[in-house]
Amino acid sequence: MVIKYTPHFLHKLEDLFAESDYMLRYEKGNFKSGYCVLKDTKMVLVNAYYPLEGKVNCLVDILRNIELSQDKFTDKSRKLLADLLAQDQSEAGNQLSIGRQGVVIEREMA
């Protein structure tokens, strides 16, 4: 799945959070990685100053790193999440990847 940097795709990602137990908020702040996940209160804070591309990247990164209960998800939302997670698995075999804060992380090829 190709990640699209459009307002429509951003709304799809926001809908995933709306259907989950997590509350998504755009706040002003100085988050080093652009976002903050409070797992105890199930709240996701994304830097409000980020441009569209930054917000999409943050939400995709968060969705790949937290576990969501899919009980309330629509079929379209389940498919979108599965596509995002499948893309993450296919990228895991890459030798080099960029970490969350722009650090190059070496990975062994299987």
N, C-alpha and C. Protein backbone atom coordinates (compact mmCIF):
# COMPACT_ATOMS: atom_id res chain seq x y z
N MET A 1 0.84 -1.17 0.00
CA MET A 1 0.00 0.00 0.00
C MET A 1 0.89 1.24 0.00
N VAL A 2 0.56 2.17 -0.83
CA VAL A 2 1.29 3.42 -0.92
C VAL A 2 0.64 4.43 0.03
N ILE A 3 1.47 5.04 0.85
CA ILE A 3 0.96 6.07 1.76
C ILE A 3 0.76 7.35 0.97
N LYS A 4 -0.44 7.89 1.06
CA LYS A 4 -0.77 9.10 0.32
C LYS A 4 -0.75 10.29 1.27
N TYR A 5 -0.17 11.37 0.82
CA TYR A 5 -0.10 12.57 1.65
C TYR A 5 -1.17 13.56 1.21
N THR A 6 -2.42 13.15 1.45
CA THR A 6 -3.56 13.96 1.09
C THR A 6 -4.44 14.15 2.32
N PRO A 7 -5.25 15.21 2.34
CA PRO A 7 -6.17 15.38 3.48
C PRO A 7 -7.15 14.20 3.62
N HIS A 8 -7.55 13.60 2.49
CA HIS A 8 -8.47 12.47 2.54
C HIS A 8 -7.83 11.27 3.26
N PHE A 9 -6.57 10.97 2.95
CA PHE A 9 -5.89 9.87 3.61
C PHE A 9 -5.67 10.16 5.09
N LEU A 10 -5.38 11.42 5.42
CA LEU A 10 -5.24 11.81 6.82
C LEU A 10 -6.55 11.55 7.57
N HIS A 11 -7.67 11.87 6.94
CA HIS A 11 -8.98 11.63 7.58
C HIS A 11 -9.23 10.13 7.78
N LYS A 12 -8.77 9.31 6.85
CA LYS A 12 -8.92 7.86 7.01
C LYS A 12 -8.14 7.39 8.24
N LEU A 13 -6.92 7.90 8.40
CA LEU A 13 -6.11 7.53 9.56
C LEU A 13 -6.76 8.03 10.85
N GLU A 14 -7.29 9.23 10.83
CA GLU A 14 -7.98 9.77 12.00
C GLU A 14 -9.21 8.94 12.34
N ASP A 15 -9.89 8.43 11.32
CA ASP A 15 -11.06 7.58 11.56
C ASP A 15 -10.68 6.28 12.25
N LEU A 16 -9.48 5.76 11.96
CA LEU A 16 -9.02 4.56 12.66
C LEU A 16 -8.94 4.82 14.17
N PHE A 17 -8.40 5.97 14.53
CA PHE A 17 -8.32 6.31 15.95
C PHE A 17 -9.70 6.56 16.55
N ALA A 18 -10.59 7.17 15.77
CA ALA A 18 -11.95 7.44 16.25
C ALA A 18 -12.70 6.14 16.54
N GLU A 19 -12.42 5.11 15.77
CA GLU A 19 -13.09 3.83 15.95
C GLU A 19 -12.42 2.97 17.02
N SER A 20 -11.23 3.37 17.44
CA SER A 20 -10.50 2.60 18.45
C SER A 20 -10.75 3.19 19.84
N ASP A 21 -10.03 2.65 20.81
CA ASP A 21 -10.13 3.14 22.18
C ASP A 21 -9.26 4.37 22.42
N TYR A 22 -8.36 4.67 21.48
CA TYR A 22 -7.45 5.79 21.64
C TYR A 22 -8.09 7.10 21.20
N MET A 23 -7.78 8.17 21.92
CA MET A 23 -8.25 9.50 21.56
C MET A 23 -7.08 10.24 20.90
N LEU A 24 -7.33 10.79 19.72
CA LEU A 24 -6.33 11.51 18.97
C LEU A 24 -6.54 13.00 19.15
N ARG A 25 -5.45 13.70 19.51
CA ARG A 25 -5.53 15.16 19.68
C ARG A 25 -4.33 15.80 19.02
N TYR A 26 -4.56 16.93 18.40
CA TYR A 26 -3.47 17.75 17.84
C TYR A 26 -3.23 18.88 18.82
N GLU A 27 -2.02 18.92 19.37
CA GLU A 27 -1.69 19.90 20.40
C GLU A 27 -0.40 20.62 20.05
N LYS A 28 -0.27 21.81 20.58
CA LYS A 28 0.98 22.55 20.46
C LYS A 28 1.96 21.95 21.46
N GLY A 29 3.19 21.80 21.03
CA GLY A 29 4.18 21.25 21.94
C GLY A 29 5.48 21.00 21.23
N ASN A 30 6.46 20.63 22.00
CA ASN A 30 7.78 20.36 21.45
C ASN A 30 8.09 18.88 21.65
N PHE A 31 7.44 18.04 20.85
CA PHE A 31 7.66 16.61 20.94
C PHE A 31 8.84 16.27 20.04
N LYS A 32 9.86 15.62 20.57
CA LYS A 32 11.05 15.31 19.78
C LYS A 32 10.73 14.46 18.57
N SER A 33 9.84 13.51 18.73
CA SER A 33 9.50 12.63 17.61
C SER A 33 8.24 13.09 16.90
N GLY A 34 7.67 14.21 17.30
CA GLY A 34 6.47 14.73 16.65
C GLY A 34 5.18 14.27 17.30
N TYR A 35 5.28 13.31 18.21
CA TYR A 35 4.06 12.85 18.87
C TYR A 35 4.38 12.25 20.22
N CYS A 36 3.33 12.00 20.98
CA CYS A 36 3.45 11.40 22.30
C CYS A 36 2.27 10.45 22.47
N VAL A 37 2.53 9.24 22.93
CA VAL A 37 1.47 8.26 23.16
C VAL A 37 1.39 8.01 24.66
N LEU A 38 0.25 8.29 25.23
CA LEU A 38 0.01 8.03 26.65
C LEU A 38 -0.83 6.76 26.72
N LYS A 39 -0.16 5.62 26.95
CA LYS A 39 -0.85 4.34 26.86
C LYS A 39 -1.84 4.11 28.00
N ASP A 40 -1.54 4.64 29.19
CA ASP A 40 -2.44 4.43 30.32
C ASP A 40 -3.80 5.09 30.09
N THR A 41 -3.78 6.28 29.52
CA THR A 41 -5.04 7.00 29.27
C THR A 41 -5.52 6.83 27.83
N LYS A 42 -4.76 6.06 27.04
CA LYS A 42 -5.09 5.79 25.64
C LYS A 42 -5.32 7.09 24.87
N MET A 43 -4.31 7.95 24.94
CA MET A 43 -4.37 9.22 24.25
C MET A 43 -3.13 9.37 23.37
N VAL A 44 -3.35 9.88 22.17
CA VAL A 44 -2.26 10.13 21.22
C VAL A 44 -2.23 11.62 20.95
N LEU A 45 -1.07 12.25 21.20
CA LEU A 45 -0.90 13.67 20.95
C LEU A 45 0.06 13.85 19.79
N VAL A 46 -0.37 14.60 18.78
CA VAL A 46 0.47 14.88 17.61
C VAL A 46 0.70 16.38 17.56
N ASN A 47 1.90 16.76 17.18
CA ASN A 47 2.25 18.17 17.10
C ASN A 47 1.35 18.89 16.09
N ALA A 48 0.63 19.88 16.55
CA ALA A 48 -0.31 20.62 15.70
C ALA A 48 0.39 21.45 14.64
N TYR A 49 1.65 21.76 14.86
CA TYR A 49 2.40 22.57 13.90
C TYR A 49 2.94 21.77 12.73
N TYR A 50 2.82 20.45 12.78
CA TYR A 50 3.33 19.62 11.70
C TYR A 50 2.52 19.85 10.43
N PRO A 51 3.19 19.84 9.28
CA PRO A 51 2.46 19.90 8.01
C PRO A 51 1.74 18.57 7.76
N LEU A 52 0.96 18.52 6.72
CA LEU A 52 0.16 17.34 6.38
C LEU A 52 1.03 16.08 6.32
N GLU A 53 2.16 16.15 5.64
CA GLU A 53 3.03 15.00 5.49
C GLU A 53 3.53 14.50 6.85
N GLY A 54 3.89 15.41 7.72
CA GLY A 54 4.37 15.04 9.05
C GLY A 54 3.29 14.37 9.88
N LYS A 55 2.07 14.88 9.79
CA LYS A 55 0.96 14.28 10.55
C LYS A 55 0.66 12.87 10.06
N VAL A 56 0.64 12.69 8.73
CA VAL A 56 0.40 11.36 8.17
C VAL A 56 1.49 10.40 8.62
N ASN A 57 2.75 10.81 8.52
CA ASN A 57 3.85 9.94 8.94
C ASN A 57 3.77 9.58 10.41
N CYS A 58 3.42 10.54 11.26
CA CYS A 58 3.28 10.27 12.69
C CYS A 58 2.17 9.25 12.96
N LEU A 59 1.02 9.46 12.34
CA LEU A 59 -0.11 8.56 12.58
C LEU A 59 0.18 7.15 12.08
N VAL A 60 0.83 7.03 10.94
CA VAL A 60 1.19 5.70 10.42
C VAL A 60 2.18 5.04 11.37
N ASP A 61 3.16 5.77 11.85
CA ASP A 61 4.15 5.23 12.78
C ASP A 61 3.48 4.77 14.07
N ILE A 62 2.56 5.56 14.58
CA ILE A 62 1.86 5.20 15.81
C ILE A 62 1.02 3.95 15.60
N LEU A 63 0.29 3.89 14.49
CA LEU A 63 -0.57 2.72 14.22
C LEU A 63 0.25 1.44 14.12
N ARG A 64 1.48 1.55 13.66
CA ARG A 64 2.33 0.37 13.55
C ARG A 64 2.92 -0.05 14.88
N ASN A 65 2.89 0.83 15.89
CA ASN A 65 3.55 0.54 17.16
C ASN A 65 2.62 0.31 18.34
N ILE A 66 1.33 0.52 18.15
CA ILE A 66 0.39 0.25 19.25
C ILE A 66 -0.57 -0.84 18.81
N GLU A 67 -1.15 -1.50 19.79
CA GLU A 67 -2.14 -2.53 19.49
C GLU A 67 -3.53 -1.92 19.65
N LEU A 68 -4.33 -2.07 18.62
CA LEU A 68 -5.69 -1.54 18.64
C LEU A 68 -6.70 -2.67 18.68
N SER A 69 -7.73 -2.49 19.47
CA SER A 69 -8.84 -3.43 19.47
C SER A 69 -9.69 -3.14 18.25
N GLN A 70 -9.88 -4.12 17.40
CA GLN A 70 -10.59 -3.91 16.15
C GLN A 70 -12.06 -4.28 16.23
N ASP A 71 -12.59 -4.39 17.43
CA ASP A 71 -13.99 -4.78 17.61
C ASP A 71 -14.96 -3.81 16.96
N LYS A 72 -14.68 -2.53 17.06
CA LYS A 72 -15.60 -1.50 16.56
C LYS A 72 -15.25 -1.04 15.15
N PHE A 73 -14.22 -1.62 14.55
CA PHE A 73 -13.76 -1.18 13.23
C PHE A 73 -14.74 -1.61 12.14
N THR A 74 -14.88 -0.76 11.14
CA THR A 74 -15.62 -1.13 9.94
C THR A 74 -14.70 -2.02 9.09
N ASP A 75 -15.26 -2.66 8.09
CA ASP A 75 -14.45 -3.52 7.22
C ASP A 75 -13.37 -2.72 6.50
N LYS A 76 -13.71 -1.51 6.06
CA LYS A 76 -12.73 -0.66 5.37
C LYS A 76 -11.58 -0.29 6.30
N SER A 77 -11.90 -0.01 7.55
CA SER A 77 -10.86 0.35 8.52
C SER A 77 -9.96 -0.84 8.81
N ARG A 78 -10.56 -2.03 8.94
CA ARG A 78 -9.75 -3.23 9.17
C ARG A 78 -8.79 -3.47 8.00
N LYS A 79 -9.28 -3.28 6.78
CA LYS A 79 -8.45 -3.49 5.60
C LYS A 79 -7.31 -2.46 5.56
N LEU A 80 -7.62 -1.20 5.85
CA LEU A 80 -6.59 -0.16 5.86
C LEU A 80 -5.50 -0.47 6.88
N LEU A 81 -5.91 -0.85 8.08
CA LEU A 81 -4.94 -1.18 9.12
C LEU A 81 -4.12 -2.41 8.73
N ALA A 82 -4.76 -3.42 8.17
CA ALA A 82 -4.04 -4.61 7.74
C ALA A 82 -3.03 -4.27 6.65
N ASP A 83 -3.40 -3.40 5.72
CA ASP A 83 -2.49 -2.98 4.65
C ASP A 83 -1.29 -2.23 5.22
N LEU A 84 -1.53 -1.35 6.18
CA LEU A 84 -0.43 -0.61 6.80
C LEU A 84 0.52 -1.53 7.54
N LEU A 85 -0.04 -2.50 8.27
CA LEU A 85 0.80 -3.42 9.03
C LEU A 85 1.54 -4.38 8.10
N ALA A 86 0.91 -4.78 7.00
CA ALA A 86 1.56 -5.66 6.04
C ALA A 86 2.73 -4.95 5.37
N GLN A 87 2.56 -3.67 5.09
CA GLN A 87 3.64 -2.89 4.49
C GLN A 87 4.82 -2.81 5.46
N ASP A 88 4.52 -2.67 6.75
CA ASP A 88 5.57 -2.61 7.76
C ASP A 88 6.35 -3.91 7.80
N GLN A 89 5.65 -5.05 7.67
CA GLN A 89 6.32 -6.36 7.69
C GLN A 89 7.20 -6.54 6.46
N SER A 90 6.75 -6.05 5.31
CA SER A 90 7.55 -6.21 4.10
C SER A 90 8.80 -5.32 4.14
N GLU A 91 8.71 -4.19 4.82
CA GLU A 91 9.86 -3.30 4.94
C GLU A 91 10.84 -3.79 5.99
N ALA A 92 10.43 -4.70 6.86
CA ALA A 92 11.30 -5.18 7.94
C ALA A 92 12.50 -5.93 7.41
N GLY A 93 12.43 -6.46 6.21
CA GLY A 93 13.54 -7.19 5.64
C GLY A 93 14.62 -6.30 5.05
N ASN A 94 14.38 -5.02 4.98
CA ASN A 94 15.38 -4.10 4.43
C ASN A 94 16.62 -4.09 5.31
N GLN A 95 17.76 -3.90 4.67
CA GLN A 95 19.01 -3.89 5.43
C GLN A 95 19.15 -2.62 6.26
N LEU A 96 18.78 -1.48 5.71
CA LEU A 96 18.85 -0.22 6.43
C LEU A 96 17.49 0.42 6.45
N SER A 97 17.15 1.04 7.53
CA SER A 97 15.89 1.78 7.59
C SER A 97 16.10 3.02 8.45
N ILE A 98 15.23 3.96 8.30
CA ILE A 98 15.32 5.19 9.08
C ILE A 98 14.46 5.03 10.33
N GLY A 99 15.04 5.28 11.47
CA GLY A 99 14.32 5.19 12.72
C GLY A 99 13.41 6.37 12.92
N ARG A 100 12.66 6.36 14.00
CA ARG A 100 11.65 7.37 14.27
C ARG A 100 12.24 8.78 14.32
N GLN A 101 13.45 8.93 14.81
CA GLN A 101 14.03 10.26 14.93
C GLN A 101 15.12 10.49 13.90
N GLY A 102 15.06 9.79 12.78
CA GLY A 102 15.99 10.01 11.71
C GLY A 102 17.33 9.30 11.87
N VAL A 103 17.42 8.35 12.76
CA VAL A 103 18.65 7.63 12.99
C VAL A 103 18.66 6.40 12.08
N VAL A 104 19.78 6.12 11.47
CA VAL A 104 19.88 4.94 10.62
C VAL A 104 20.12 3.72 11.51
N ILE A 105 19.28 2.73 11.33
CA ILE A 105 19.37 1.51 12.12
C ILE A 105 19.70 0.37 11.18
N GLU A 106 20.77 -0.36 11.48
CA GLU A 106 21.14 -1.49 10.63
C GLU A 106 20.33 -2.70 11.08
N ARG A 107 19.85 -3.45 10.08
CA ARG A 107 19.10 -4.67 10.36
C ARG A 107 19.72 -5.80 9.58
N GLU A 108 19.66 -6.96 10.17
CA GLU A 108 20.17 -8.14 9.48
C GLU A 108 19.12 -8.64 8.51
N MET A 109 19.58 -9.07 7.36
CA MET A 109 18.66 -9.64 6.38
C MET A 109 18.45 -11.10 6.70
N ALA A 110 17.23 -11.55 6.62
CA ALA A 110 16.90 -12.93 6.94
C ALA A 110 17.20 -13.85 5.79
